[in-house]
Amino acid sequence: MKSRWRPTTMLAGWWLGAMMTMPQALAQSAPEPLSAFPRSLIEIRTQAGNVHAISVWIADRPSRQEQGLMFVRDLPAHQGMLFVYPHERRISMWMKNTLIPLDMLFIRPDGTIVHIAHGVPESLDIITTPQPVRLVLEIAGGQAAELGIREGDRVYGESLDTPPSQHP
């Protein structure tokens, strides 16, 4: 006897399989609360001699880096997110589902800021650093200019293996 698959049987099988995996897919796409991210304190030392303390959430794994500050509606002054990558490379970012303007500071492993970009809320434009970096710091849009932070300034902190208290 020859087996015959009917389109409705195939469709029902597909639907059942999709429904069984859907809760898992939805759970994976739900944003992790920022309270679950590790926290740290970093310092930015400007070439003009000013020191700015920034409290940061650490995006230390791919799922946190993909999420970033998406869906955040307010970012107070002197707070941000530090993206930490395992090795130096060119980093590309975008502002999909990011509701607030951001300044993105691209940082080499030695803590030197090599590029500052300005992210526009919900833009799909790709922002790429011109050279390899290991860290990206996101702070509220306009804060870099307000604090006088420029390329060439230095970032210190435990995430960079250079605790702030060890530097003059």
Foldseek 3Di string as FASTA:
>chain_A
DDDDDDPVNVVVVVVVVCVVCVVVVVVLPDDDDLVPFDKWWKWWAAPVGDIAIAIEGEQEDDSSVVCAQAPPDDADPRYWYKYFAPDWDKDKDAQANPAAKKWKFFAALQFFGADIDIYDHRDPDIDIDPGTHGMIIIHGGPNCVVVVNDGGIGMAPVSSVGHPVNDD
